[in-house]
Amino acid sequence: MQRITCFQAWLQGWLQATARRNAMDDYRCIQEIGVGAHATVNLAVALSCDHVIALKMIPLSTADPCTP
């Protein structure tokens, strides 16, 4: 749970920094996204649909602060 909480905080920051109102068609609410440095690990992320999550894979290998 600690990792999910950390990732949620990072994801919210990423969304605030990259969300574009004119590209809403490229986004939708999802509950699972890939996380991992060298492999993709599916995490069930408890996010409400109030948040907009990118459909395209977010490059987390270097950006995810939760990955040791």
Protein backbone atom coordinates (compact mmCIF):
# COMPACT_ATOMS: atom_id res chain seq x y z
CA MET A 1 0.00 0.00 0.00
CA GLN A 2 2.87 2.37 0.71
CA ARG A 3 4.14 2.07 -2.86
CA ILE A 4 0.69 2.70 -4.30
CA THR A 5 0.31 5.82 -2.15
CA CYS A 6 3.72 7.08 -3.25
CA PHE A 7 2.90 6.38 -6.89
CA GLN A 8 -0.48 8.11 -6.63
CA ALA A 9 1.23 11.24 -5.34
CA TRP A 10 3.73 11.14 -8.22
CA LEU A 11 0.99 10.48 -10.78
CA GLN A 12 -1.08 13.44 -9.59
CA GLY A 13 1.96 15.67 -9.98
CA TRP A 14 2.60 14.28 -13.46
CA LEU A 15 -1.00 14.89 -14.47
CA GLN A 16 -0.92 18.46 -13.24
CA ALA A 17 2.28 19.08 -15.17
CA THR A 18 1.19 17.49 -18.45
CA ALA A 19 -2.60 17.65 -18.71
CA ARG A 20 -3.79 19.65 -21.72
CA ARG A 21 -7.41 20.66 -22.06
CA ASN A 22 -7.22 20.54 -25.87
CA ALA A 23 -6.14 16.89 -25.86
CA MET A 24 -8.89 15.41 -23.68
CA ASP A 25 -9.76 12.90 -26.41
CA ASP A 26 -6.41 11.22 -25.78
CA TYR A 27 -7.20 10.62 -22.12
CA ARG A 28 -9.67 8.65 -20.05
CA CYS A 29 -10.10 7.33 -16.55
CA ILE A 30 -8.44 3.94 -15.96
CA GLN A 31 -7.80 1.87 -12.84
CA GLU A 32 -4.66 0.01 -13.89
CA ILE A 33 -1.41 1.28 -15.34
CA GLY A 34 2.01 -0.21 -15.80
CA VAL A 35 4.72 0.49 -13.26
CA GLY A 36 8.31 -0.70 -13.23
CA ALA A 37 11.90 0.14 -14.00
CA HIS A 38 12.76 -2.67 -16.39
CA ALA A 39 9.58 -4.74 -16.35
CA THR A 40 5.93 -3.79 -16.43
CA VAL A 41 4.15 -4.59 -13.19
CA ASN A 42 0.41 -4.09 -13.14
CA LEU A 43 -0.77 -2.17 -10.10
CA ALA A 44 -4.39 -1.62 -9.20
CA VAL A 45 -4.30 2.10 -8.54
CA ALA A 46 -7.26 3.35 -6.55
CA LEU A 47 -7.89 6.60 -8.37
CA SER A 48 -11.26 8.22 -8.77
CA CYS A 49 -12.47 9.15 -12.23
CA ASP A 50 -12.07 12.79 -11.23
CA HIS A 51 -8.44 12.35 -12.21
CA VAL A 52 -7.47 12.15 -15.86
CA ILE A 53 -4.96 9.43 -16.62
CA ALA A 54 -3.06 9.20 -19.89
CA LEU A 55 -4.06 6.29 -22.11
CA LYS A 56 -0.56 6.18 -23.51
CA MET A 57 2.10 4.42 -21.43
CA ILE A 58 3.83 6.80 -19.06
CA PRO A 59 7.61 6.30 -19.17
CA LEU A 60 8.24 5.49 -15.52
CA SER A 61 11.64 3.85 -15.74
CA THR A 62 13.39 7.08 -14.81
CA ALA A 63 10.50 9.22 -13.58
CA ASP A 64 8.94 7.00 -10.92
CA PRO A 65 10.42 8.02 -7.54
CA CYS A 66 8.93 4.92 -5.92
CA THR A 67 11.18 2.56 -7.87
CA PRO A 68 14.37 1.82 -5.91
